[in-house]
Amino acid sequence: MMFDKIITRYNRWKSIHETINELNRLDNRELNDLGISRWRISEIAHRTSV
């Protein structure tokens, strides 16, 4: 049971950081087209992670 929680948390952490990295690769115009401000990237990544 505890191992499952560790795996779940790791997968969430990994998903968050992959999302942050992908969004940080976009320029400001591309982010604007998506309706995302650069300062909200972390918030969005945490909110949308699986």
N, C-alpha and C. Protein backbone atom coordinates (compact mmCIF):
# COMPACT_ATOMS: atom_id res chain seq x y z
N MET A 1 0.82 -1.19 0.00
CA MET A 1 0.00 0.00 0.00
C MET A 1 0.87 1.26 0.00
N MET A 2 1.85 1.32 0.86
CA MET A 2 2.72 2.50 0.92
C MET A 2 3.51 2.66 -0.38
N PHE A 3 3.93 1.54 -0.94
CA PHE A 3 4.68 1.58 -2.20
C PHE A 3 3.82 2.21 -3.30
N ASP A 4 2.52 1.88 -3.31
CA ASP A 4 1.61 2.46 -4.30
C ASP A 4 1.53 3.98 -4.16
N LYS A 5 1.50 4.48 -2.93
CA LYS A 5 1.46 5.92 -2.70
C LYS A 5 2.73 6.59 -3.19
N ILE A 6 3.86 5.94 -2.97
CA ILE A 6 5.15 6.49 -3.42
C ILE A 6 5.15 6.57 -4.95
N ILE A 7 4.71 5.52 -5.60
CA ILE A 7 4.67 5.50 -7.06
C ILE A 7 3.71 6.57 -7.58
N THR A 8 2.55 6.71 -6.95
CA THR A 8 1.58 7.71 -7.36
C THR A 8 2.15 9.12 -7.22
N ARG A 9 2.80 9.40 -6.10
CA ARG A 9 3.39 10.73 -5.89
C ARG A 9 4.52 11.00 -6.87
N TYR A 10 5.33 9.98 -7.13
CA TYR A 10 6.42 10.15 -8.10
C TYR A 10 5.86 10.46 -9.48
N ASN A 11 4.84 9.73 -9.89
CA ASN A 11 4.24 9.94 -11.21
C ASN A 11 3.63 11.34 -11.31
N ARG A 12 3.01 11.82 -10.23
CA ARG A 12 2.45 13.18 -10.23
C ARG A 12 3.58 14.20 -10.33
N TRP A 13 4.63 14.02 -9.55
CA TRP A 13 5.79 14.93 -9.58
C TRP A 13 6.37 14.97 -10.99
N LYS A 14 6.52 13.80 -11.60
CA LYS A 14 7.09 13.71 -12.94
C LYS A 14 6.19 14.43 -13.96
N SER A 15 4.89 14.23 -13.86
CA SER A 15 3.95 14.88 -14.75
C SER A 15 4.00 16.40 -14.62
N ILE A 16 4.07 16.89 -13.39
CA ILE A 16 4.16 18.33 -13.14
C ILE A 16 5.40 18.91 -13.80
N HIS A 17 6.54 18.27 -13.58
CA HIS A 17 7.79 18.81 -14.11
C HIS A 17 7.89 18.68 -15.63
N GLU A 18 7.31 17.65 -16.19
CA GLU A 18 7.28 17.54 -17.66
C GLU A 18 6.42 18.65 -18.25
N THR A 19 5.29 18.94 -17.62
CA THR A 19 4.42 20.02 -18.09
C THR A 19 5.12 21.36 -17.99
N ILE A 20 5.77 21.62 -16.86
CA ILE A 20 6.50 22.88 -16.68
C ILE A 20 7.58 23.02 -17.75
N ASN A 21 8.33 21.97 -17.98
CA ASN A 21 9.40 22.03 -18.98
C ASN A 21 8.85 22.28 -20.39
N GLU A 22 7.76 21.60 -20.73
CA GLU A 22 7.17 21.78 -22.05
C GLU A 22 6.65 23.20 -22.23
N LEU A 23 5.96 23.72 -21.23
CA LEU A 23 5.42 25.08 -21.35
C LEU A 23 6.53 26.12 -21.36
N ASN A 24 7.59 25.89 -20.63
CA ASN A 24 8.71 26.83 -20.62
C ASN A 24 9.44 26.88 -21.96
N ARG A 25 9.30 25.85 -22.78
CA ARG A 25 9.93 25.84 -24.10
C ARG A 25 9.20 26.76 -25.09
N LEU A 26 7.94 27.09 -24.77
CA LEU A 26 7.17 27.96 -25.67
C LEU A 26 7.57 29.41 -25.46
N ASP A 27 7.49 30.19 -26.53
CA ASP A 27 7.77 31.62 -26.37
C ASP A 27 6.50 32.32 -25.89
N ASN A 28 6.63 33.59 -25.55
CA ASN A 28 5.51 34.33 -24.96
C ASN A 28 4.31 34.43 -25.92
N ARG A 29 4.58 34.53 -27.19
CA ARG A 29 3.48 34.61 -28.16
C ARG A 29 2.69 33.30 -28.19
N GLU A 30 3.40 32.17 -28.18
CA GLU A 30 2.73 30.87 -28.18
C GLU A 30 1.92 30.68 -26.89
N LEU A 31 2.50 31.08 -25.77
CA LEU A 31 1.77 30.98 -24.50
C LEU A 31 0.53 31.86 -24.54
N ASN A 32 0.68 33.07 -25.08
CA ASN A 32 -0.45 33.99 -25.19
C ASN A 32 -1.56 33.41 -26.05
N ASP A 33 -1.18 32.73 -27.13
CA ASP A 33 -2.17 32.08 -27.99
C ASP A 33 -2.96 31.02 -27.22
N LEU A 34 -2.32 30.40 -26.25
CA LEU A 34 -2.98 29.38 -25.42
C LEU A 34 -3.71 29.99 -24.23
N GLY A 35 -3.53 31.29 -24.03
CA GLY A 35 -4.17 31.97 -22.91
C GLY A 35 -3.47 31.74 -21.60
N ILE A 36 -2.14 31.52 -21.67
CA ILE A 36 -1.35 31.22 -20.48
C ILE A 36 -0.32 32.33 -20.27
N SER A 37 -0.27 32.87 -19.06
CA SER A 37 0.79 33.81 -18.69
C SER A 37 1.97 33.00 -18.16
N ARG A 38 3.17 33.45 -18.46
CA ARG A 38 4.36 32.70 -18.04
C ARG A 38 4.39 32.46 -16.53
N TRP A 39 3.93 33.45 -15.75
CA TRP A 39 3.99 33.32 -14.30
C TRP A 39 2.99 32.30 -13.76
N ARG A 40 2.06 31.82 -14.60
CA ARG A 40 1.06 30.84 -14.17
C ARG A 40 1.42 29.41 -14.55
N ILE A 41 2.56 29.20 -15.19
CA ILE A 41 2.94 27.88 -15.67
C ILE A 41 2.94 26.85 -14.53
N SER A 42 3.59 27.18 -13.43
CA SER A 42 3.66 26.24 -12.31
C SER A 42 2.27 25.91 -11.76
N GLU A 43 1.46 26.94 -11.61
CA GLU A 43 0.09 26.74 -11.11
C GLU A 43 -0.69 25.80 -12.03
N ILE A 44 -0.60 26.03 -13.31
CA ILE A 44 -1.32 25.22 -14.29
C ILE A 44 -0.81 23.78 -14.25
N ALA A 45 0.49 23.61 -14.17
CA ALA A 45 1.07 22.27 -14.13
C ALA A 45 0.59 21.49 -12.91
N HIS A 46 0.54 22.16 -11.77
CA HIS A 46 0.08 21.49 -10.55
C HIS A 46 -1.41 21.16 -10.63
N ARG A 47 -2.18 22.06 -11.20
CA ARG A 47 -3.63 21.88 -11.27
C ARG A 47 -4.01 20.77 -12.25
N THR A 48 -3.23 20.61 -13.31
CA THR A 48 -3.62 19.67 -14.37
C THR A 48 -2.89 18.33 -14.31
N SER A 49 -2.02 18.16 -13.34
CA SER A 49 -1.27 16.90 -13.28
C SER A 49 -2.18 15.75 -12.88
N VAL A 50 -1.87 14.59 -13.37
CA VAL A 50 -2.68 13.40 -13.12
C VAL A 50 -2.26 12.72 -11.84
